[in-house]
PDB file of N, CA and C in Angstrom:
ATOM      1  N   MET A   1     -46.341 -73.706 115.122  1.00  0.00           N
ATOM      2  CA  MET A   1     -46.139 -73.148 116.438  1.00  0.00           C
ATOM      3  C   MET A   1     -47.344 -73.494 117.304  1.00  0.00           C
ATOM      4  N   PHE A   2     -47.082 -73.845 118.546  1.00  0.00           N
ATOM      5  CA  PHE A   2     -48.126 -74.183 119.512  1.00  0.00           C
ATOM      6  C   PHE A   2     -48.017 -73.274 120.722  1.00  0.00           C
ATOM      7  N   THR A   3     -49.159 -72.881 121.234  1.00  0.00           N
ATOM      8  CA  THR A   3     -49.244 -72.078 122.443  1.00  0.00           C
ATOM      9  C   THR A   3     -50.112 -72.828 123.436  1.00  0.00           C
ATOM     10  N   GLY A   4     -49.583 -73.030 124.624  1.00  0.00           N
ATOM     11  CA  GLY A   4     -50.341 -73.717 125.663  1.00  0.00           C
ATOM     12  C   GLY A   4     -50.513 -72.818 126.867  1.00  0.00           C
ATOM     13  N   SER A   5     -51.670 -72.939 127.508  1.00  0.00           N
ATOM     14  CA  SER A   5     -51.888 -72.179 128.731  1.00  0.00           C
ATOM     15  C   SER A   5     -52.497 -73.078 129.791  1.00  0.00           C
ATOM     16  N   LEU A   6     -52.209 -72.751 131.023  1.00  0.00           N
ATOM     17  CA  LEU A   6     -52.737 -73.471 132.165  1.00  0.00           C
ATOM     18  C   LEU A   6     -53.180 -72.442 133.188  1.00  0.00           C
ATOM     19  N   CYS A   7     -54.359 -72.631 133.724  1.00  0.00           N
ATOM     20  CA  CYS A   7     -54.882 -71.755 134.761  1.00  0.00           C
ATOM     21  C   CYS A   7     -55.208 -72.638 135.962  1.00  0.00           C
ATOM     22  N   ALA A   8     -54.515 -72.424 137.074  1.00  0.00           N
ATOM     23  CA  ALA A   8     -54.671 -73.256 138.260  1.00  0.00           C
ATOM     24  C   ALA A   8     -55.369 -72.468 139.361  1.00  0.00           C
ATOM     25  N   ASP A   9     -56.428 -73.052 139.891  1.00  0.00           N
ATOM     26  CA  ASP A   9     -57.169 -72.465 141.009  1.00  0.00           C
ATOM     27  C   ASP A   9     -56.676 -73.151 142.281  1.00  0.00           C
ATOM     28  N   LEU A  10     -56.157 -72.367 143.219  1.00  0.00           N
ATOM     29  CA  LEU A  10     -55.539 -72.903 144.420  1.00  0.00           C
ATOM     30  C   LEU A  10     -56.256 -72.436 145.672  1.00  0.00           C
ATOM     31  N   ARG A  11     -56.325 -73.316 146.664  1.00  0.00           N
ATOM     32  CA  ARG A  11     -56.759 -72.928 148.004  1.00  0.00           C
ATOM     33  C   ARG A  11     -55.511 -72.952 148.878  1.00  0.00           C
ATOM     34  N   LEU A  12     -55.295 -71.842 149.562  1.00  0.00           N
ATOM     35  CA  LEU A  12     -54.104 -71.714 150.391  1.00  0.00           C
ATOM     36  C   LEU A  12     -54.384 -72.249 151.788  1.00  0.00           C
ATOM     37  N   GLY A  13     -53.379 -72.823 152.408  1.00  0.00           N
ATOM     38  CA  GLY A  13     -53.527 -73.434 153.720  1.00  0.00           C
ATOM     39  C   GLY A  13     -53.737 -72.428 154.834  1.00  0.00           C
ATOM     40  N   ASP A  14     -52.830 -72.379 155.758  1.00  0.00           N
ATOM     41  CA  ASP A  14     -52.951 -71.572 156.968  1.00  0.00           C
ATOM     42  C   ASP A  14     -52.564 -70.117 156.683  1.00  0.00           C
ATOM     43  N   VAL A  15     -53.440 -69.406 155.991  1.00  0.00           N
ATOM     44  CA  VAL A  15     -53.206 -68.017 155.601  1.00  0.00           C
ATOM     45  C   VAL A  15     -54.350 -67.168 156.143  1.00  0.00           C
ATOM     46  N   HIS A  16     -54.005 -66.036 156.775  1.00  0.00           N
ATOM     47  CA  HIS A  16     -55.035 -65.218 157.426  1.00  0.00           C
ATOM     48  C   HIS A  16     -55.050 -63.768 156.968  1.00  0.00           C
ATOM     49  N   SER A  17     -54.255 -63.443 155.958  1.00  0.00           N
ATOM     50  CA  SER A  17     -54.233 -62.069 155.454  1.00  0.00           C
ATOM     51  C   SER A  17     -53.695 -62.063 154.028  1.00  0.00           C
ATOM     52  N   LEU A  18     -53.902 -60.945 153.341  1.00  0.00           N
ATOM     53  CA  LEU A  18     -53.362 -60.810 151.984  1.00  0.00           C
ATOM     54  C   LEU A  18     -51.840 -60.776 152.001  1.00  0.00           C
ATOM     55  N   LYS A  19     -51.267 -60.257 153.071  1.00  0.00           N
ATOM     56  CA  LYS A  19     -49.802 -60.227 153.194  1.00  0.00           C
ATOM     57  C   LYS A  19     -49.249 -61.652 153.299  1.00  0.00           C
ATOM     58  N   GLU A  20     -49.890 -62.492 154.085  1.00  0.00           N
ATOM     59  CA  GLU A  20     -49.469 -63.884 154.186  1.00  0.00           C
ATOM     60  C   GLU A  20     -49.679 -64.605 152.850  1.00  0.00           C
ATOM     61  N   LYS A  21     -50.757 -64.264 152.158  1.00  0.00           N
ATOM     62  CA  LYS A  21     -51.017 -64.861 150.851  1.00  0.00           C
ATOM     63  C   LYS A  21     -49.855 -64.572 149.902  1.00  0.00           C
ATOM     64  N   ARG A  22     -49.410 -63.314 149.873  1.00  0.00           N
ATOM     65  CA  ARG A  22     -48.285 -62.949 149.003  1.00  0.00           C
ATOM     66  C   ARG A  22     -47.039 -63.765 149.338  1.00  0.00           C
ATOM     67  N   SER A  23     -46.825 -64.027 150.634  1.00  0.00           N
ATOM     68  CA  SER A  23     -45.628 -64.775 151.037  1.00  0.00           C
ATOM     69  C   SER A  23     -45.692 -66.245 150.614  1.00  0.00           C
ATOM     70  N   VAL A  24     -46.880 -66.740 150.280  1.00  0.00           N
ATOM     71  CA  VAL A  24     -47.034 -68.105 149.769  1.00  0.00           C
ATOM     72  C   VAL A  24     -47.007 -68.112 148.238  1.00  0.00           C
ATOM     73  N   VAL A  25     -47.729 -67.183 147.620  1.00  0.00           N
ATOM     74  CA  VAL A  25     -47.905 -67.204 146.165  1.00  0.00           C
ATOM     75  C   VAL A  25     -46.646 -66.746 145.423  1.00  0.00           C
ATOM     76  N   ARG A  26     -45.990 -65.712 145.901  1.00  0.00           N
ATOM     77  CA  ARG A  26     -44.801 -65.203 145.184  1.00  0.00           C
ATOM     78  C   ARG A  26     -43.724 -66.257 144.984  1.00  0.00           C
ATOM     79  N   PRO A  27     -43.372 -67.039 146.018  1.00  0.00           N
ATOM     80  CA  PRO A  27     -42.354 -68.077 145.775  1.00  0.00           C
ATOM     81  C   PRO A  27     -42.791 -69.146 144.771  1.00  0.00           C
ATOM     82  N   ILE A  28     -44.074 -69.459 144.741  1.00  0.00           N
ATOM     83  CA  ILE A  28     -44.574 -70.447 143.776  1.00  0.00           C
ATOM     84  C   ILE A  28     -44.431 -69.902 142.358  1.00  0.00           C
ATOM     85  N   VAL A  29     -44.863 -68.665 142.156  1.00  0.00           N
ATOM     86  CA  VAL A  29     -44.755 -68.023 140.841  1.00  0.00           C
ATOM     87  C   VAL A  29     -43.285 -67.936 140.415  1.00  0.00           C
ATOM     88  N   ALA A  30     -42.414 -67.547 141.337  1.00  0.00           N
ATOM     89  CA  ALA A  30     -40.985 -67.422 141.023  1.00  0.00           C
ATOM     90  C   ALA A  30     -40.370 -68.779 140.687  1.00  0.00           C
ATOM     91  N   GLU A  31     -40.757 -69.818 141.420  1.00  0.00           N
ATOM     92  CA  GLU A  31     -40.201 -71.142 141.146  1.00  0.00           C
ATOM     93  C   GLU A  31     -40.627 -71.661 139.780  1.00  0.00           C
ATOM     94  N   ILE A  32     -41.894 -71.459 139.424  1.00  0.00           N
ATOM     95  CA  ILE A  32     -42.362 -71.896 138.095  1.00  0.00           C
ATOM     96  C   ILE A  32     -41.588 -71.164 136.998  1.00  0.00           C
ATOM     97  N   ALA A  33     -41.446 -69.856 137.148  1.00  0.00           N
ATOM     98  CA  ALA A  33     -40.729 -69.068 136.140  1.00  0.00           C
ATOM     99  C   ALA A  33     -39.273 -69.515 136.027  1.00  0.00           C
ATOM    100  N   ARG A  34     -38.631 -69.763 137.159  1.00  0.00           N
ATOM    101  CA  ARG A  34     -37.215 -70.152 137.166  1.00  0.00           C
ATOM    102  C   ARG A  34     -37.021 -71.577 136.654  1.00  0.00           C
ATOM    103  N   ARG A  35     -37.822 -72.489 137.159  1.00  0.00           N
ATOM    104  CA  ARG A  35     -37.641 -73.903 136.859  1.00  0.00           C
ATOM    105  C   ARG A  35     -38.023 -74.266 135.425  1.00  0.00           C
ATOM    106  N   PHE A  36     -39.058 -73.625 134.895  1.00  0.00           N
ATOM    107  CA  PHE A  36     -39.562 -73.992 133.575  1.00  0.00           C
ATOM    108  C   PHE A  36     -39.349 -72.916 132.516  1.00  0.00           C
ATOM    109  N   SER A  37     -38.835 -71.754 132.874  1.00  0.00           N
ATOM    110  CA  SER A  37     -38.629 -70.634 131.941  1.00  0.00           C
ATOM    111  C   SER A  37     -39.917 -70.297 131.192  1.00  0.00           C
ATOM    112  N   LEU A  38     -40.988 -70.065 131.954  1.00  0.00           N
ATOM    113  CA  LEU A  38     -42.302 -69.774 131.396  1.00  0.00           C
ATOM    114  C   LEU A  38     -42.779 -68.402 131.821  1.00  0.00           C
ATOM    115  N   SER A  39     -43.771 -67.910 131.112  1.00  0.00           N
ATOM    116  CA  SER A  39     -44.497 -66.728 131.569  1.00  0.00           C
ATOM    117  C   SER A  39     -45.512 -67.202 132.592  1.00  0.00           C
ATOM    118  N   VAL A  40     -45.504 -66.588 133.759  1.00  0.00           N
ATOM    119  CA  VAL A  40     -46.393 -67.008 134.839  1.00  0.00           C
ATOM    120  C   VAL A  40     -46.775 -65.790 135.664  1.00  0.00           C
ATOM    121  N   ALA A  41     -48.024 -65.770 136.154  1.00  0.00           N
ATOM    122  CA  ALA A  41     -48.491 -64.637 136.958  1.00  0.00           C
ATOM    123  C   ALA A  41     -49.662 -65.082 137.817  1.00  0.00           C
ATOM    124  N   GLU A  42     -49.866 -64.360 138.904  1.00  0.00           N
ATOM    125  CA  GLU A  42     -51.099 -64.523 139.659  1.00  0.00           C
ATOM    126  C   GLU A  42     -52.178 -63.793 138.869  1.00  0.00           C
ATOM    127  N   THR A  43     -53.215 -64.505 138.466  1.00  0.00           N
ATOM    128  CA  THR A  43     -54.185 -63.944 137.521  1.00  0.00           C
ATOM    129  C   THR A  43     -55.589 -63.761 138.079  1.00  0.00           C
ATOM    130  N   GLY A  44     -55.830 -64.180 139.294  1.00  0.00           N
ATOM    131  CA  GLY A  44     -57.178 -64.037 139.820  1.00  0.00           C
ATOM    132  C   GLY A  44     -57.249 -64.203 141.322  1.00  0.00           C
ATOM    133  N   HIS A  45     -58.441 -63.958 141.866  1.00  0.00           N
ATOM    134  CA  HIS A  45     -58.712 -64.039 143.309  1.00  0.00           C
ATOM    135  C   HIS A  45     -57.803 -63.093 144.099  1.00  0.00           C
ATOM    136  N   HIS A  46     -57.536 -61.922 143.559  1.00  0.00           N
ATOM    137  CA  HIS A  46     -56.605 -60.992 144.198  1.00  0.00           C
ATOM    138  C   HIS A  46     -57.102 -60.491 145.548  1.00  0.00           C
ATOM    139  N   ASP A  47     -58.406 -60.435 145.736  1.00  0.00           N
ATOM    140  CA  ASP A  47     -58.936 -59.876 146.982  1.00  0.00           C
ATOM    141  C   ASP A  47     -59.305 -60.944 148.010  1.00  0.00           C
ATOM    142  N   LEU A  48     -59.089 -62.222 147.690  1.00  0.00           N
ATOM    143  CA  LEU A  48     -59.373 -63.317 148.621  1.00  0.00           C
ATOM    144  C   LEU A  48     -58.060 -63.847 149.184  1.00  0.00           C
ATOM    145  N   TYR A  49     -57.940 -63.913 150.492  1.00  0.00           N
ATOM    146  CA  TYR A  49     -56.649 -64.296 151.055  1.00  0.00           C
ATOM    147  C   TYR A  49     -56.421 -65.805 151.123  1.00  0.00           C
ATOM    148  N   ARG A  50     -57.450 -66.625 150.967  1.00  0.00           N
ATOM    149  CA  ARG A  50     -57.251 -68.075 151.002  1.00  0.00           C
ATOM    150  C   ARG A  50     -57.331 -68.724 149.628  1.00  0.00           C
ATOM    151  N   ARG A  51     -57.468 -67.926 148.577  1.00  0.00           N
ATOM    152  CA  ARG A  51     -57.546 -68.453 147.213  1.00  0.00           C
ATOM    153  C   ARG A  51     -56.545 -67.719 146.331  1.00  0.00           C
ATOM    154  N   ALA A  52     -56.067 -68.422 145.324  1.00  0.00           N
ATOM    155  CA  ALA A  52     -55.176 -67.813 144.335  1.00  0.00           C
ATOM    156  C   ALA A  52     -55.405 -68.492 142.997  1.00  0.00           C
ATOM    157  N   GLU A  53     -55.228 -67.738 141.943  1.00  0.00           N
ATOM    158  CA  GLU A  53     -55.273 -68.288 140.590  1.00  0.00           C
ATOM    159  C   GLU A  53     -53.945 -67.948 139.939  1.00  0.00           C
ATOM    160  N   ILE A  54     -53.300 -68.969 139.392  1.00  0.00           N
ATOM    161  CA  ILE A  54     -52.007 -68.778 138.736  1.00  0.00           C
ATOM    162  C   ILE A  54     -52.154 -69.172 137.278  1.00  0.00           C
ATOM    163  N   GLY A  55     -51.704 -68.296 136.383  1.00  0.00           N
ATOM    164  CA  GLY A  55     -51.748 -68.555 134.951  1.00  0.00           C
ATOM    165  C   GLY A  55     -50.353 -68.762 134.403  1.00  0.00           C
ATOM    166  N   VAL A  56     -50.228 -69.716 133.490  1.00  0.00           N
ATOM    167  CA  VAL A  56     -48.937 -70.081 132.896  1.00  0.00           C
ATOM    168  C   VAL A  56     -49.120 -70.144 131.383  1.00  0.00           C
ATOM    169  N   ALA A  57     -48.118 -69.687 130.638  1.00  0.00           N
ATOM    170  CA  ALA A  57     -48.157 -69.774 129.174  1.00  0.00           C
ATOM    171  C   ALA A  57     -46.834 -70.333 128.656  1.00  0.00           C
ATOM    172  N   VAL A  58     -46.937 -71.174 127.631  1.00  0.00           N
ATOM    173  CA  VAL A  58     -45.758 -71.774 127.016  1.00  0.00           C
ATOM    174  C   VAL A  58     -45.937 -71.744 125.496  1.00  0.00           C
ATOM    175  N   VAL A  59     -44.850 -71.537 124.781  1.00  0.00           N
ATOM    176  CA  VAL A  59     -44.846 -71.558 123.318  1.00  0.00           C
ATOM    177  C   VAL A  59     -43.787 -72.555 122.881  1.00  0.00           C
ATOM    178  N   SER A  60     -44.152 -73.394 121.903  1.00  0.00           N
ATOM    179  CA  SER A  60     -43.221 -74.420 121.435  1.00  0.00           C
ATOM    180  C   SER A  60     -43.510 -74.752 119.979  1.00  0.00           C
ATOM    181  N   GLY A  61     -42.558 -75.368 119.350  1.00  0.00           N
ATOM    182  CA  GLY A  61     -42.744 -75.833 117.982  1.00  0.00           C
ATOM    183  C   GLY A  61     -43.531 -77.134 117.919  1.00  0.00           C
ATOM    184  N   GLU A  62     -43.705 -77.812 119.077  1.00  0.00           N
ATOM    185  CA  GLU A  62     -44.401 -79.095 119.115  1.00  0.00           C
ATOM    186  C   GLU A  62     -45.477 -79.084 120.192  1.00  0.00           C
ATOM    187  N   GLY A  63     -46.653 -79.580 119.850  1.00  0.00           N
ATOM    188  CA  GLY A  63     -47.745 -79.650 120.808  1.00  0.00           C
ATOM    189  C   GLY A  63     -47.426 -80.576 121.968  1.00  0.00           C
ATOM    190  N   ALA A  64     -46.713 -81.669 121.696  1.00  0.00           N
ATOM    191  CA  ALA A  64     -46.360 -82.622 122.753  1.00  0.00           C
ATOM    192  C   ALA A  64     -45.486 -81.965 123.811  1.00  0.00           C
ATOM    193  N   HIS A  65     -44.583 -81.092 123.378  1.00  0.00           N
ATOM    194  CA  HIS A  65     -43.722 -80.399 124.334  1.00  0.00           C
ATOM    195  C   HIS A  65     -44.545 -79.468 125.222  1.00  0.00           C
ATOM    196  N   CYS A  66     -45.497 -78.750 124.642  1.00  0.00           N
ATOM    197  CA  CYS A  66     -46.383 -77.887 125.437  1.00  0.00           C
ATOM    198  C   CYS A  66     -47.112 -78.704 126.499  1.00  0.00           C
ATOM    199  N   ARG A  67     -47.656 -79.837 126.101  1.00  0.00           N
ATOM    200  CA  ARG A  67     -48.387 -80.690 127.051  1.00  0.00           C
ATOM    201  C   ARG A  67     -47.466 -81.203 128.156  1.00  0.00           C
ATOM    202  N   GLU A  68     -46.257 -81.611 127.811  1.00  0.00           N
ATOM    203  CA  GLU A  68     -45.301 -82.107 128.810  1.00  0.00           C
ATOM    204  C   GLU A  68     -44.969 -81.038 129.838  1.00  0.00           C
ATOM    205  N   VAL A  69     -44.725 -79.828 129.364  1.00  0.00           N
ATOM    206  CA  VAL A  69     -44.383 -78.734 130.274  1.00  0.00           C
ATOM    207  C   VAL A  69     -45.568 -78.408 131.182  1.00  0.00           C
ATOM    208  N   LEU A  70     -46.762 -78.320 130.625  1.00  0.00           N
ATOM    209  CA  LEU A  70     -47.939 -78.020 131.445  1.00  0.00           C
ATOM    210  C   LEU A  70     -48.222 -79.148 132.432  1.00  0.00           C
ATOM    211  N   ASP A  71     -47.983 -80.405 132.043  1.00  0.00           N
ATOM    212  CA  ASP A  71     -48.111 -81.531 132.975  1.00  0.00           C
ATOM    213  C   ASP A  71     -47.147 -81.373 134.146  1.00  0.00           C
ATOM    214  N   ALA A  72     -45.912 -80.992 133.852  1.00  0.00           N
ATOM    215  CA  ALA A  72     -44.902 -80.833 134.898  1.00  0.00           C
ATOM    216  C   ALA A  72     -45.273 -79.700 135.859  1.00  0.00           C
ATOM    217  N   VAL A  73     -45.795 -78.608 135.330  1.00  0.00           N
ATOM    218  CA  VAL A  73     -46.232 -77.498 136.189  1.00  0.00           C
ATOM    219  C   VAL A  73     -47.380 -77.949 137.087  1.00  0.00           C
ATOM    220  N   GLU A  74     -48.340 -78.668 136.507  1.00  0.00           N
ATOM    221  CA  GLU A  74     -49.474 -79.155 137.297  1.00  0.00           C
ATOM    222  C   GLU A  74     -49.003 -80.100 138.405  1.00  0.00           C
ATOM    223  N   ARG A  75     -48.077 -81.005 138.092  1.00  0.00           N
ATOM    224  CA  ARG A  75     -47.540 -81.908 139.114  1.00  0.00           C
ATOM    225  C   ARG A  75     -46.848 -81.132 140.226  1.00  0.00           C
ATOM    226  N   MET A  76     -46.060 -80.120 139.841  1.00  0.00           N
ATOM    227  CA  MET A  76     -45.358 -79.322 140.840  1.00  0.00           C
ATOM    228  C   MET A  76     -46.349 -78.647 141.784  1.00  0.00           C
ATOM    229  N   LEU A  77     -47.426 -78.081 141.231  1.00  0.00           N
ATOM    230  CA  LEU A  77     -48.434 -77.417 142.061  1.00  0.00           C
ATOM    231  C   LEU A  77     -49.149 -78.422 142.962  1.00  0.00           C
ATOM    232  N   ALA A  78     -49.460 -79.593 142.433  1.00  0.00           N
ATOM    233  CA  ALA A  78     -50.162 -80.615 143.212  1.00  0.00           C
ATOM    234  C   ALA A  78     -49.307 -81.128 144.370  1.00  0.00           C
ATOM    235  N   GLU A  79     -47.991 -81.089 144.216  1.00  0.00           N
ATOM    236  CA  GLU A  79     -47.086 -81.592 145.250  1.00  0.00           C
ATOM    237  C   GLU A  79     -46.780 -80.572 146.343  1.00  0.00           C
ATOM    238  N   ARG A  80     -47.179 -79.320 146.147  1.00  0.00           N
ATOM    239  CA  ARG A  80     -46.898 -78.274 147.145  1.00  0.00           C
ATOM    240  C   ARG A  80     -47.775 -78.505 148.375  1.00  0.00           C
ATOM    241  N   PRO A  81     -47.191 -78.675 149.561  1.00  0.00           N
ATOM    242  CA  PRO A  81     -47.997 -78.956 150.753  1.00  0.00           C
ATOM    243  C   PRO A  81     -48.793 -77.754 151.260  1.00  0.00           C
ATOM    244  N   GLU A  82     -48.386 -76.545 150.914  1.00  0.00           N
ATOM    245  CA  GLU A  82     -49.053 -75.353 151.443  1.00  0.00           C
ATOM    246  C   GLU A  82     -50.268 -74.920 150.630  1.00  0.00           C
ATOM    247  N   VAL A  83     -50.526 -75.604 149.508  1.00  0.00           N
ATOM    248  CA  VAL A  83     -51.697 -75.270 148.685  1.00  0.00           C
ATOM    249  C   VAL A  83     -52.449 -76.536 148.308  1.00  0.00           C
ATOM    250  N   GLU A  84     -53.737 -76.363 148.032  1.00  0.00           N
ATOM    251  CA  GLU A  84     -54.563 -77.442 147.507  1.00  0.00           C
ATOM    252  C   GLU A  84     -54.972 -77.056 146.094  1.00  0.00           C
ATOM    253  N   LEU A  85     -54.694 -77.905 145.154  1.00  0.00           N
ATOM    254  CA  LEU A  85     -55.028 -77.655 143.756  1.00  0.00           C
ATOM    255  C   LEU A  85     -56.499 -78.014 143.547  1.00  0.00           C
ATOM    256  N   LEU A  86     -57.344 -77.001 143.362  1.00  0.00           N
ATOM    257  CA  LEU A  86     -58.779 -77.216 143.234  1.00  0.00           C
ATOM    258  C   LEU A  86     -59.198 -77.547 141.815  1.00  0.00           C
ATOM    259  N   GLN A  87     -58.653 -76.810 140.854  1.00  0.00           N
ATOM    260  CA  GLN A  87     -59.056 -76.991 139.468  1.00  0.00           C
ATOM    261  C   GLN A  87     -57.938 -76.515 138.555  1.00  0.00           C
ATOM    262  N   VAL A  88     -57.819 -77.183 137.420  1.00  0.00           N
ATOM    263  CA  VAL A  88     -56.851 -76.777 136.390  1.00  0.00           C
ATOM    264  C   VAL A  88     -57.588 -76.723 135.064  1.00  0.00           C
ATOM    265  N   ARG A  89     -57.422 -75.610 134.365  1.00  0.00           N
ATOM    266  CA  ARG A  89     -57.969 -75.460 133.017  1.00  0.00           C
ATOM    267  C   ARG A  89     -56.787 -75.284 132.062  1.00  0.00           C
ATOM    268  N   ARG A  90     -56.850 -75.988 130.951  1.00  0.00           N
ATOM    269  CA  ARG A  90     -55.779 -75.919 129.956  1.00  0.00           C
ATOM    270  C   ARG A  90     -56.347 -75.591 128.586  1.00  0.00           C
ATOM    271  N   GLN A  91     -55.508 -74.974 127.794  1.00  0.00           N
ATOM    272  CA  GLN A  91     -55.842 -74.744 126.391  1.00  0.00           C
ATOM    273  C   GLN A  91     -54.571 -74.931 125.587  1.00  0.00           C
ATOM    274  N   LEU A  92     -54.721 -75.493 124.409  1.00  0.00           N
ATOM    275  CA  LEU A  92     -53.598 -75.677 123.500  1.00  0.00           C
ATOM    276  C   LEU A  92     -54.042 -75.201 122.119  1.00  0.00           C
ATOM    277  N   PHE A  93     -53.303 -74.277 121.559  1.00  0.00           N
ATOM    278  CA  PHE A  93     -53.611 -73.718 120.258  1.00  0.00           C
ATOM    279  C   PHE A  93     -52.448 -73.967 119.306  1.00  0.00           C
ATOM    280  N   SER A  94     -52.775 -74.133 118.044  1.00  0.00           N
ATOM    281  CA  SER A  94     -51.724 -74.150 117.030  1.00  0.00           C
ATOM    282  C   SER A  94     -52.066 -73.110 115.980  1.00  0.00           C
ATOM    283  N   ASN A  95     -51.107 -72.709 115.172  1.00  0.00           N
ATOM    284  CA  ASN A  95     -51.419 -71.696 114.168  1.00  0.00           C
ATOM    285  C   ASN A  95     -52.260 -72.285 113.046  1.00  0.00           C
ATOM    286  N   ASP A  96     -52.591 -73.573 113.102  1.00  0.00           N
ATOM    287  CA  ASP A  96     -53.538 -74.182 112.162  1.00  0.00           C
ATOM    288  C   ASP A  96     -54.975 -74.040 112.639  1.00  0.00           C
ATOM    289  N   ASP A  97     -55.192 -73.491 113.838  1.00  0.00           N
ATOM    290  CA  ASP A  97     -56.516 -73.390 114.442  1.00  0.00           C
ATOM    291  C   ASP A  97     -57.351 -72.229 113.909  1.00  0.00           C
ATOM    292  N   GLU A  98     -56.934 -71.590 112.868  1.00  0.00           N
ATOM    293  CA  GLU A  98     -57.600 -70.387 112.381  1.00  0.00           C
ATOM    294  C   GLU A  98     -58.984 -70.610 111.991  1.00  0.00           C
TER     295      GLU A  98
END
């Protein structure tokens, strides 16, 4: 079994309040969850209105599948015109990593 995680640090475009931030981040989180059937949440920068951190987790029987899914999520985020992808951190674990 493999577990993969991705943490994306985003800079939001023309956003001037936390309410506007929610209107940008919620659809992104919902699209990732719907499109890839993953666990996803806003995980950081909650008090900053121009920054967001989104965390994603995937579990698979194959490490290659985890990497493919995380690659697709990263591409989707990079293609969003309303956000700038600043940094992505990934981790991949297997149950052999004990």
